[in-house]
N, C-alpha and C. Protein backbone atom coordinates (compact mmCIF):
# COMPACT_ATOMS: atom_id res chain seq x y z
N MET A 1 32.68 -132.77 -16.96
CA MET A 1 33.70 -133.72 -16.49
C MET A 1 35.09 -133.19 -16.82
N HIS A 2 35.99 -133.27 -15.87
CA HIS A 2 37.35 -132.79 -16.11
C HIS A 2 38.18 -133.83 -16.82
N MET A 3 38.85 -133.38 -17.84
CA MET A 3 39.76 -134.27 -18.54
C MET A 3 41.02 -134.36 -17.69
N VAL A 4 41.49 -135.54 -17.44
CA VAL A 4 42.72 -135.66 -16.67
C VAL A 4 43.89 -135.70 -17.65
N MET A 5 44.76 -134.73 -17.51
CA MET A 5 45.90 -134.68 -18.42
C MET A 5 47.15 -135.16 -17.71
N SER A 6 47.99 -135.85 -18.44
CA SER A 6 49.27 -136.22 -17.86
C SER A 6 50.12 -134.96 -17.77
N GLU A 7 51.18 -135.05 -17.00
CA GLU A 7 52.05 -133.90 -16.84
C GLU A 7 52.63 -133.44 -18.18
N SER A 8 53.00 -134.41 -19.02
CA SER A 8 53.60 -134.01 -20.29
C SER A 8 52.57 -133.36 -21.21
N GLU A 9 51.31 -133.84 -21.15
CA GLU A 9 50.26 -133.22 -21.97
C GLU A 9 49.99 -131.81 -21.48
N LEU A 10 49.97 -131.65 -20.17
CA LEU A 10 49.73 -130.33 -19.61
C LEU A 10 50.85 -129.38 -20.01
N LYS A 11 52.07 -129.89 -19.99
CA LYS A 11 53.21 -129.06 -20.36
C LYS A 11 53.09 -128.61 -21.81
N GLU A 12 52.63 -129.54 -22.68
CA GLU A 12 52.40 -129.19 -24.09
C GLU A 12 51.41 -128.04 -24.20
N GLU A 13 50.34 -128.12 -23.41
CA GLU A 13 49.31 -127.08 -23.43
C GLU A 13 49.89 -125.74 -22.95
N VAL A 14 50.73 -125.82 -21.93
CA VAL A 14 51.36 -124.60 -21.41
C VAL A 14 52.23 -123.98 -22.50
N ILE A 15 53.00 -124.82 -23.19
CA ILE A 15 53.87 -124.32 -24.25
C ILE A 15 53.04 -123.68 -25.37
N LYS A 16 51.91 -124.33 -25.71
CA LYS A 16 51.02 -123.75 -26.73
C LYS A 16 50.55 -122.37 -26.31
N ALA A 17 50.17 -122.24 -25.04
CA ALA A 17 49.70 -120.95 -24.52
C ALA A 17 50.82 -119.91 -24.59
N LEU A 18 52.04 -120.34 -24.26
CA LEU A 18 53.18 -119.41 -24.27
C LEU A 18 53.47 -118.93 -25.69
N LYS A 19 53.19 -119.78 -26.66
CA LYS A 19 53.47 -119.40 -28.05
C LYS A 19 52.46 -118.38 -28.56
N ASP A 20 51.48 -118.05 -27.73
CA ASP A 20 50.52 -117.00 -28.08
C ASP A 20 50.92 -115.65 -27.50
N VAL A 21 52.01 -115.63 -26.74
CA VAL A 21 52.44 -114.40 -26.10
C VAL A 21 53.67 -113.87 -26.83
N TYR A 22 53.58 -112.63 -27.25
CA TYR A 22 54.68 -112.04 -28.03
C TYR A 22 55.34 -110.89 -27.29
N ASP A 23 56.62 -110.75 -27.51
CA ASP A 23 57.31 -109.56 -27.05
C ASP A 23 56.86 -108.44 -27.98
N PRO A 24 56.37 -107.32 -27.43
CA PRO A 24 55.82 -106.26 -28.28
C PRO A 24 56.84 -105.73 -29.30
N GLU A 25 58.12 -105.82 -28.98
CA GLU A 25 59.10 -105.24 -29.89
C GLU A 25 59.60 -106.23 -30.93
N ILE A 26 59.29 -107.50 -30.73
CA ILE A 26 59.85 -108.53 -31.60
C ILE A 26 58.72 -109.44 -32.08
N PRO A 27 58.65 -109.72 -33.37
CA PRO A 27 57.51 -110.50 -33.88
C PRO A 27 57.66 -112.01 -33.66
N VAL A 28 58.21 -112.38 -32.52
CA VAL A 28 58.43 -113.80 -32.23
C VAL A 28 57.87 -114.06 -30.82
N ASP A 29 57.27 -115.23 -30.64
CA ASP A 29 56.66 -115.49 -29.33
C ASP A 29 57.73 -115.74 -28.24
N VAL A 30 57.31 -115.58 -27.00
CA VAL A 30 58.25 -115.65 -25.87
C VAL A 30 58.92 -117.02 -25.74
N TYR A 31 58.21 -118.06 -26.18
CA TYR A 31 58.79 -119.40 -26.06
C TYR A 31 59.95 -119.57 -27.05
N GLU A 32 59.71 -119.21 -28.30
CA GLU A 32 60.76 -119.35 -29.31
C GLU A 32 61.92 -118.38 -29.05
N LEU A 33 61.61 -117.25 -28.41
CA LEU A 33 62.67 -116.29 -28.10
C LEU A 33 63.61 -116.82 -27.03
N GLY A 34 63.15 -117.84 -26.31
CA GLY A 34 64.00 -118.38 -25.24
C GLY A 34 63.83 -117.63 -23.94
N LEU A 35 62.72 -116.92 -23.78
CA LEU A 35 62.51 -116.16 -22.55
C LEU A 35 62.01 -117.04 -21.41
N ILE A 36 61.57 -118.24 -21.75
CA ILE A 36 61.06 -119.14 -20.72
C ILE A 36 62.19 -120.07 -20.28
N TYR A 37 62.63 -119.91 -19.05
CA TYR A 37 63.75 -120.72 -18.57
C TYR A 37 63.28 -122.07 -18.03
N GLU A 38 62.12 -122.07 -17.44
CA GLU A 38 61.70 -123.30 -16.79
C GLU A 38 60.18 -123.37 -16.72
N ILE A 39 59.66 -124.56 -16.94
CA ILE A 39 58.22 -124.79 -16.72
C ILE A 39 58.15 -125.99 -15.79
N LYS A 40 57.58 -125.79 -14.61
CA LYS A 40 57.44 -126.91 -13.69
C LYS A 40 55.98 -127.11 -13.38
N ILE A 41 55.61 -128.36 -13.21
CA ILE A 41 54.24 -128.67 -12.87
C ILE A 41 54.24 -129.41 -11.53
N PHE A 42 53.53 -128.83 -10.57
CA PHE A 42 53.44 -129.44 -9.25
C PHE A 42 52.01 -129.95 -9.06
N PRO A 43 51.86 -130.98 -8.20
CA PRO A 43 50.50 -131.48 -7.94
C PRO A 43 49.69 -130.40 -7.23
N ILE A 44 48.45 -130.25 -7.46
CA ILE A 44 47.81 -130.83 -8.63
C ILE A 44 47.65 -129.72 -9.67
N ASN A 45 48.31 -129.89 -10.79
CA ASN A 45 48.19 -128.93 -11.89
C ASN A 45 48.52 -127.49 -11.52
N ASN A 46 49.50 -127.34 -10.65
CA ASN A 46 50.00 -126.00 -10.36
C ASN A 46 51.21 -125.76 -11.25
N ILE A 47 51.18 -124.66 -11.96
CA ILE A 47 52.23 -124.39 -12.93
C ILE A 47 53.16 -123.31 -12.41
N TYR A 48 54.44 -123.58 -12.50
CA TYR A 48 55.45 -122.59 -12.13
C TYR A 48 56.26 -122.29 -13.38
N ILE A 49 56.37 -121.01 -13.70
CA ILE A 49 57.14 -120.61 -14.88
C ILE A 49 58.22 -119.63 -14.46
N LEU A 50 59.45 -119.96 -14.81
CA LEU A 50 60.57 -119.06 -14.55
C LEU A 50 60.94 -118.47 -15.90
N MET A 51 60.95 -117.14 -15.95
CA MET A 51 61.18 -116.50 -17.24
C MET A 51 62.05 -115.27 -17.09
N THR A 52 62.49 -114.77 -18.23
CA THR A 52 63.24 -113.54 -18.24
C THR A 52 62.64 -112.63 -19.29
N LEU A 53 63.20 -111.46 -19.45
CA LEU A 53 62.76 -110.54 -20.50
C LEU A 53 63.99 -110.16 -21.30
N THR A 54 63.77 -109.64 -22.51
CA THR A 54 64.92 -109.32 -23.35
C THR A 54 65.82 -108.29 -22.70
N SER A 55 65.25 -107.41 -21.87
CA SER A 55 66.11 -106.53 -21.08
C SER A 55 65.37 -106.09 -19.83
N PRO A 56 66.10 -105.85 -18.73
CA PRO A 56 65.44 -105.50 -17.47
C PRO A 56 64.63 -104.21 -17.59
N SER A 57 65.03 -103.34 -18.52
CA SER A 57 64.32 -102.07 -18.67
C SER A 57 63.20 -102.17 -19.71
N CYS A 58 62.95 -103.38 -20.15
CA CYS A 58 61.93 -103.63 -21.16
C CYS A 58 60.58 -103.04 -20.70
N PRO A 59 59.99 -102.17 -21.53
CA PRO A 59 58.73 -101.53 -21.12
C PRO A 59 57.60 -102.53 -20.92
N SER A 60 57.72 -103.71 -21.52
CA SER A 60 56.65 -104.69 -21.38
C SER A 60 56.86 -105.59 -20.18
N ALA A 61 57.81 -105.22 -19.33
CA ALA A 61 58.13 -106.04 -18.16
C ALA A 61 56.89 -106.37 -17.33
N GLY A 62 56.00 -105.39 -17.22
CA GLY A 62 54.81 -105.63 -16.43
C GLY A 62 53.77 -106.45 -17.16
N THR A 63 53.72 -106.27 -18.48
CA THR A 63 52.61 -106.88 -19.20
C THR A 63 52.85 -108.33 -19.61
N ILE A 64 54.08 -108.67 -19.98
CA ILE A 64 54.32 -110.03 -20.48
C ILE A 64 54.04 -111.09 -19.41
N PRO A 65 54.63 -110.97 -18.20
CA PRO A 65 54.34 -112.00 -17.20
C PRO A 65 52.84 -112.10 -16.87
N ALA A 66 52.15 -110.97 -16.83
CA ALA A 66 50.71 -110.98 -16.55
C ALA A 66 49.95 -111.68 -17.66
N GLU A 67 50.37 -111.42 -18.89
CA GLU A 67 49.70 -112.05 -20.03
C GLU A 67 49.94 -113.56 -20.02
N ILE A 68 51.18 -113.95 -19.70
CA ILE A 68 51.51 -115.37 -19.62
C ILE A 68 50.65 -116.04 -18.55
N GLU A 69 50.58 -115.39 -17.41
CA GLU A 69 49.81 -115.96 -16.30
C GLU A 69 48.36 -116.15 -16.71
N ALA A 70 47.78 -115.12 -17.35
CA ALA A 70 46.37 -115.20 -17.76
C ALA A 70 46.15 -116.31 -18.78
N LYS A 71 47.06 -116.43 -19.76
CA LYS A 71 46.90 -117.44 -20.80
C LYS A 71 47.04 -118.85 -20.24
N VAL A 72 47.99 -119.03 -19.33
CA VAL A 72 48.21 -120.37 -18.77
C VAL A 72 47.05 -120.73 -17.84
N ARG A 73 46.58 -119.74 -17.09
CA ARG A 73 45.44 -119.95 -16.19
C ARG A 73 44.19 -120.39 -16.96
N ALA A 74 44.10 -119.95 -18.21
CA ALA A 74 42.91 -120.24 -19.01
C ALA A 74 42.88 -121.70 -19.50
N ILE A 75 43.99 -122.41 -19.36
CA ILE A 75 44.03 -123.81 -19.80
C ILE A 75 43.13 -124.63 -18.88
N GLU A 76 42.30 -125.46 -19.49
CA GLU A 76 41.39 -126.25 -18.68
C GLU A 76 42.16 -127.19 -17.76
N GLY A 77 41.74 -127.20 -16.50
CA GLY A 77 42.37 -128.12 -15.56
C GLY A 77 43.52 -127.49 -14.78
N VAL A 78 43.98 -126.32 -15.20
CA VAL A 78 45.07 -125.69 -14.46
C VAL A 78 44.54 -125.12 -13.16
N ASN A 79 45.27 -125.38 -12.10
CA ASN A 79 44.83 -124.96 -10.79
C ASN A 79 45.39 -123.58 -10.45
N ASP A 80 46.70 -123.49 -10.36
CA ASP A 80 47.30 -122.21 -10.00
C ASP A 80 48.52 -121.97 -10.88
N VAL A 81 48.85 -120.71 -11.06
CA VAL A 81 49.98 -120.36 -11.92
C VAL A 81 50.85 -119.36 -11.19
N SER A 82 52.13 -119.62 -11.15
CA SER A 82 53.00 -118.56 -10.66
C SER A 82 54.11 -118.32 -11.66
N VAL A 83 54.32 -117.04 -11.97
CA VAL A 83 55.32 -116.64 -12.95
C VAL A 83 56.38 -115.85 -12.22
N GLU A 84 57.60 -116.32 -12.29
CA GLU A 84 58.69 -115.61 -11.63
C GLU A 84 59.64 -115.05 -12.67
N LEU A 85 60.06 -113.82 -12.44
CA LEU A 85 60.99 -113.15 -13.36
C LEU A 85 62.39 -113.23 -12.80
N THR A 86 63.34 -113.51 -13.67
CA THR A 86 64.74 -113.51 -13.23
C THR A 86 65.59 -112.87 -14.32
N PHE A 87 66.69 -112.30 -13.93
CA PHE A 87 67.64 -111.80 -14.94
C PHE A 87 68.98 -112.49 -14.75
N ASP A 88 68.90 -113.68 -14.18
CA ASP A 88 70.09 -114.47 -13.95
C ASP A 88 69.81 -115.88 -14.43
N PRO A 89 70.35 -116.40 -15.50
CA PRO A 89 71.34 -115.71 -16.34
C PRO A 89 70.66 -114.64 -17.20
N PRO A 90 71.40 -113.59 -17.56
CA PRO A 90 70.83 -112.56 -18.41
C PRO A 90 70.51 -113.12 -19.79
N TYR A 91 69.50 -112.56 -20.40
CA TYR A 91 69.06 -113.03 -21.70
C TYR A 91 70.10 -112.71 -22.78
N SER A 92 70.29 -113.66 -23.67
CA SER A 92 71.10 -113.34 -24.85
C SER A 92 70.44 -113.99 -26.06
N THR A 93 70.75 -113.51 -27.24
CA THR A 93 70.11 -114.03 -28.45
C THR A 93 70.48 -115.50 -28.67
N GLU A 94 71.51 -115.97 -27.99
CA GLU A 94 71.87 -117.39 -28.07
C GLU A 94 70.73 -118.28 -27.62
N MET A 95 69.86 -117.75 -26.77
CA MET A 95 68.79 -118.56 -26.19
C MET A 95 67.61 -118.77 -27.13
N MET A 96 67.64 -118.04 -28.24
CA MET A 96 66.53 -118.19 -29.19
C MET A 96 66.54 -119.57 -29.83
N SER A 97 65.36 -120.00 -30.19
CA SER A 97 65.28 -121.25 -30.96
C SER A 97 65.71 -120.93 -32.39
N GLU A 98 65.94 -121.97 -33.17
CA GLU A 98 66.33 -121.74 -34.56
C GLU A 98 65.21 -121.05 -35.33
N VAL A 99 63.97 -121.37 -34.95
CA VAL A 99 62.81 -120.73 -35.59
C VAL A 99 62.92 -119.22 -35.43
N ALA A 100 63.19 -118.77 -34.19
CA ALA A 100 63.28 -117.34 -33.91
C ALA A 100 64.46 -116.71 -34.64
N LYS A 101 65.59 -117.41 -34.63
CA LYS A 101 66.78 -116.88 -35.30
C LYS A 101 66.54 -116.70 -36.78
N LEU A 102 65.87 -117.66 -37.39
CA LEU A 102 65.57 -117.55 -38.82
C LEU A 102 64.63 -116.37 -39.07
N GLU A 103 63.60 -116.29 -38.24
CA GLU A 103 62.60 -115.24 -38.35
C GLU A 103 63.22 -113.86 -38.27
N LEU A 104 64.21 -113.71 -37.39
CA LEU A 104 64.81 -112.41 -37.15
C LEU A 104 66.11 -112.21 -37.94
N GLY A 105 66.43 -113.22 -38.77
CA GLY A 105 67.60 -113.07 -39.63
C GLY A 105 68.93 -113.23 -38.92
N PHE A 106 68.96 -113.99 -37.82
CA PHE A 106 70.24 -114.22 -37.13
C PHE A 106 71.02 -115.38 -37.74
N MET A 107 70.39 -116.08 -38.71
CA MET A 107 71.09 -117.24 -39.27
C MET A 107 71.32 -117.08 -40.75
């Protein structure tokens, strides 16, 4: 039987999955780093993620979005996942959460 999740519960699950994905060069997950610009949920349980990378030339450019897609797809009840990369606005360390800033010594 499928558990029916509300949109906010599903979003929580998506965020949990994102916190399992790390930038290979930085010991902080992509969510706390501020690389995730937007998480949208469309009916029925289609997830759209707009994200960036720490730099356009980042060697993990190919792997991070694929890893995010796989992890989010693995959430029970998720139908489809699309991950879009953008460099507008460009990433800056300002986008990090306080957790990430503390971890990396920015505070």
